[in-house]
């Protein structure tokens, strides 16, 4: 599975739950919504930069080596953008989970994923135990 791109420009303050605050309260949900929307905005800006770069840099080089180098560079950028496009979809799905009140709970066993894990990986859908088991199973299957 591809690694998620980290937040580039936005620094957030880790959430400090108030005494007696329920897990995934309105404040916590708003905190993660802010993180996810900032991340999505960064990714969308990167997409725009790529389009602009490809328009500006597109040239028909007479030298086949120069042309091949440019095509390889564009191909790499497009693969990166495709991974980011999938991540934007995952962010949108996560924002939908927040809206529906289902965010922050393991899709496998239903326990709290935990604030620290979600801050490290805001799109996480499994608790650390279930994710670890899935990774072990995947390694055993692939050998």
Protein backbone atom coordinates (compact mmCIF):
# COMPACT_ATOMS: atom_id res chain seq x y z
CA UNK A 1 0.00 0.00 0.00
CA UNK A 2 1.33 3.45 -0.93
CA UNK A 3 2.43 5.81 1.79
CA UNK A 4 0.32 8.89 2.29
CA UNK A 5 1.92 12.24 1.61
CA UNK A 6 2.41 14.21 4.82
CA UNK A 7 0.90 17.61 5.38
CA UNK A 8 3.39 20.06 3.93
CA UNK A 9 2.55 23.59 4.88
CA UNK A 10 0.13 23.26 7.75
CA UNK A 11 1.23 22.67 11.28
CA UNK A 12 -1.49 21.75 13.71
CA UNK A 13 -1.53 21.62 17.46
CA UNK A 14 -2.29 18.15 18.81
CA UNK A 15 -5.76 17.94 20.30
CA UNK A 16 -5.88 18.03 24.08
CA UNK A 17 -9.12 16.43 25.28
CA UNK A 18 -10.91 18.28 28.06
CA UNK A 19 -11.56 16.46 31.30
CA UNK A 20 -14.56 14.17 30.87
CA UNK A 21 -14.82 14.85 27.12
CA UNK A 22 -16.29 11.98 25.14
CA UNK A 23 -14.26 10.37 22.38
CA UNK A 24 -14.86 11.97 18.99
CA UNK A 25 -16.74 14.93 20.40
CA UNK A 26 -17.69 17.90 18.21
CA UNK A 27 -14.37 19.57 19.06
CA UNK A 28 -12.39 16.50 18.07
CA UNK A 29 -14.37 16.04 14.87
CA UNK A 30 -13.77 19.71 14.00
CA UNK A 31 -10.04 19.26 14.71
CA UNK A 32 -9.78 16.35 12.27
CA UNK A 33 -11.95 18.08 9.69
CA UNK A 34 -9.54 21.02 9.77
CA UNK A 35 -6.52 18.72 9.35
CA UNK A 36 -8.11 16.80 6.48
CA UNK A 37 -9.32 19.89 4.64
CA UNK A 38 -5.86 21.51 4.90
CA UNK A 39 -4.27 18.31 3.58
CA UNK A 40 -6.72 18.15 0.70
CA UNK A 41 -6.08 21.82 -0.12
CA UNK A 42 -2.32 21.16 -0.25
CA UNK A 43 -2.84 18.20 -2.57
CA UNK A 44 -5.16 20.17 -4.86
CA UNK A 45 -2.59 22.98 -5.10
CA UNK A 46 0.03 20.39 -6.06
CA UNK A 47 -2.25 19.13 -8.85
CA UNK A 48 -2.61 22.70 -10.15
CA UNK A 49 1.17 23.20 -10.02
CA UNK A 50 1.71 20.02 -12.02
CA UNK A 51 -0.73 21.06 -14.73
CA UNK A 52 0.91 24.47 -14.98
CA UNK A 53 4.40 22.94 -15.00
CA UNK A 54 3.51 20.48 -17.75
CA UNK A 55 1.98 23.23 -19.87
CA UNK A 56 4.97 25.53 -19.38
CA UNK A 57 7.64 22.87 -19.84
CA UNK A 58 6.10 20.97 -22.75
CA UNK A 59 8.50 21.26 -25.62
CA UNK A 60 9.26 19.26 -28.70
CA UNK A 61 12.96 18.61 -28.28
CA UNK A 62 14.79 17.65 -31.47
CA UNK A 63 17.19 15.48 -29.47
CA UNK A 64 15.57 12.09 -28.67
CA UNK A 65 17.43 11.85 -25.34
CA UNK A 66 16.10 15.22 -24.19
CA UNK A 67 12.60 14.28 -25.29
CA UNK A 68 12.84 10.93 -23.47
CA UNK A 69 14.06 12.65 -20.30
CA UNK A 70 11.12 15.06 -20.38
CA UNK A 71 8.63 12.26 -21.03
CA UNK A 72 10.03 10.25 -18.12
CA UNK A 73 9.80 13.31 -15.84
CA UNK A 74 6.18 13.89 -16.87
CA UNK A 75 5.37 10.21 -16.40
CA UNK A 76 6.77 10.27 -12.87
CA UNK A 77 4.78 13.43 -12.06
CA UNK A 78 1.60 11.88 -13.40
CA UNK A 79 2.08 8.71 -11.34
CA UNK A 80 2.59 10.86 -8.25
CA UNK A 81 -0.54 12.88 -9.03
CA UNK A 82 -2.50 9.65 -9.53
CA UNK A 83 -1.50 8.48 -6.04
CA UNK A 84 -2.49 11.88 -4.70
CA UNK A 85 -5.82 11.70 -6.55
CA UNK A 86 -6.52 8.42 -4.74
CA UNK A 87 -5.53 10.06 -1.46
CA UNK A 88 -7.91 12.97 -2.12
CA UNK A 89 -10.70 10.39 -2.59
CA UNK A 90 -9.69 8.77 0.70
CA UNK A 91 -9.73 12.18 2.41
CA UNK A 92 -13.22 12.84 1.01
CA UNK A 93 -14.38 9.43 2.28
CA UNK A 94 -12.93 10.27 5.70
CA UNK A 95 -14.70 13.64 5.76
CA UNK A 96 -17.94 11.74 4.99
CA UNK A 97 -17.26 9.48 7.98
CA UNK A 98 -16.85 12.55 10.19
CA UNK A 99 -20.15 13.97 8.88
CA UNK A 100 -21.96 10.73 9.60
CA UNK A 101 -20.46 10.37 13.09
CA UNK A 102 -18.65 7.15 12.21
CA UNK A 103 -15.13 8.56 12.21
CA UNK A 104 -12.55 7.39 14.70
CA UNK A 105 -13.79 3.84 15.16
CA UNK A 106 -12.14 0.71 13.78
CA UNK A 107 -14.05 -0.66 10.80
CA UNK A 108 -12.97 -4.19 11.77
CA UNK A 109 -13.61 -4.42 15.53
CA UNK A 110 -15.38 -1.14 16.36
CA UNK A 111 -13.03 0.12 19.09
CA UNK A 112 -11.72 3.69 19.28
CA UNK A 113 -8.80 4.18 16.90
CA UNK A 114 -7.37 6.83 19.22
CA UNK A 115 -6.56 10.52 18.82
CA UNK A 116 -2.80 10.08 18.51
CA UNK A 117 -3.10 7.46 15.78
CA UNK A 118 -5.61 9.60 13.91
CA UNK A 119 -3.35 12.64 14.14
CA UNK A 120 -0.49 10.57 12.74
CA UNK A 121 -2.73 9.09 10.01
CA UNK A 122 -6.01 11.02 9.76
CA UNK A 123 -7.44 8.63 7.17
CA UNK A 124 -6.91 5.52 9.33
CA UNK A 125 -9.92 3.22 9.39
CA UNK A 126 -8.52 0.53 11.66
CA UNK A 127 -7.11 0.46 15.17
CA UNK A 128 -3.43 -0.36 15.43
CA UNK A 129 -4.10 -3.98 16.48
CA UNK A 130 -6.37 -4.78 13.51
CA UNK A 131 -4.03 -2.99 11.09
CA UNK A 132 -1.06 -4.94 12.44
CA UNK A 133 -2.94 -8.24 12.03
CA UNK A 134 -3.86 -7.32 8.44
CA UNK A 135 -0.22 -6.55 7.65
CA UNK A 136 0.93 -9.86 9.15
CA UNK A 137 -1.70 -11.75 7.11
CA UNK A 138 -0.64 -9.89 3.97
CA UNK A 139 3.01 -10.84 4.53
CA UNK A 140 2.07 -14.49 5.05
CA UNK A 141 0.00 -14.57 1.87
CA UNK A 142 2.67 -12.86 -0.25
CA UNK A 143 5.46 -14.87 1.37
